[in-house]
Amino acid sequence: MTVFGAEPEPAHLAELRDIGVNRAVLYAPPADAEAVHRFLDQVAPLTAAFSN
């Protein structure tokens, strides 16, 4: 099961995993390239922690 627009919060992603979600697509707010890169840098460790 895939969830689109998941919140980039560890507790939220853990809850999704616990109910059987195997893919969560995070929502990156519209912004300039620099802001999006900062967002991606911030969530990279989070996504690595929940990757198989």
Protein backbone atom coordinates (compact mmCIF):
# COMPACT_ATOMS: atom_id res chain seq x y z
CA MET A 1 0.00 0.00 0.00
CA THR A 2 1.24 3.50 -0.82
CA VAL A 3 0.38 6.74 0.96
CA PHE A 4 0.89 10.00 -0.91
CA GLY A 5 1.53 13.25 0.97
CA ALA A 6 2.85 11.60 4.12
CA GLU A 7 4.15 13.89 6.84
CA PRO A 8 7.95 13.79 7.21
CA GLU A 9 7.76 12.93 10.92
CA PRO A 10 9.26 9.75 12.40
CA ALA A 11 6.16 8.93 14.49
CA HIS A 12 3.85 9.36 11.50
CA LEU A 13 5.99 7.14 9.27
CA ALA A 14 6.27 4.51 12.01
CA GLU A 15 2.50 4.48 12.40
CA LEU A 16 2.04 4.05 8.66
CA ARG A 17 4.55 1.19 8.64
CA ASP A 18 2.80 -0.46 11.59
CA ILE A 19 -0.54 -0.50 9.76
CA GLY A 20 0.96 -2.08 6.66
CA VAL A 21 2.00 0.82 4.45
CA ASN A 22 5.12 -0.17 2.52
CA ARG A 23 5.66 3.08 0.63
CA ALA A 24 5.12 6.67 1.75
CA VAL A 25 5.60 9.54 -0.67
CA LEU A 26 6.50 12.72 1.18
CA TYR A 27 5.06 16.06 0.15
CA ALA A 28 7.60 18.75 -0.68
CA PRO A 29 5.97 22.17 -0.59
CA PRO A 30 6.37 24.28 -3.71
CA ALA A 31 9.41 26.50 -3.36
CA ASP A 32 12.52 27.60 -5.16
CA ALA A 33 15.23 25.05 -5.89
CA GLU A 34 17.36 26.04 -2.89
CA ALA A 35 14.47 25.57 -0.45
CA VAL A 36 13.57 22.21 -1.95
CA HIS A 37 17.19 21.07 -1.68
CA ARG A 38 17.18 22.07 2.00
CA PHE A 39 13.98 20.09 2.52
CA LEU A 40 15.47 17.04 0.82
CA ASP A 41 18.62 17.32 2.93
CA GLN A 42 16.46 17.45 6.07
CA VAL A 43 14.38 14.38 5.22
CA ALA A 44 17.18 12.25 3.78
CA PRO A 45 18.14 10.71 7.17
CA LEU A 46 14.47 10.09 7.91
CA THR A 47 13.87 8.31 4.63
CA ALA A 48 17.03 6.24 5.11
CA ALA A 49 15.80 5.11 8.53
CA PHE A 50 12.58 3.77 7.01
CA SER A 51 14.03 2.25 3.83
CA ASN A 52 14.13 -1.50 3.46
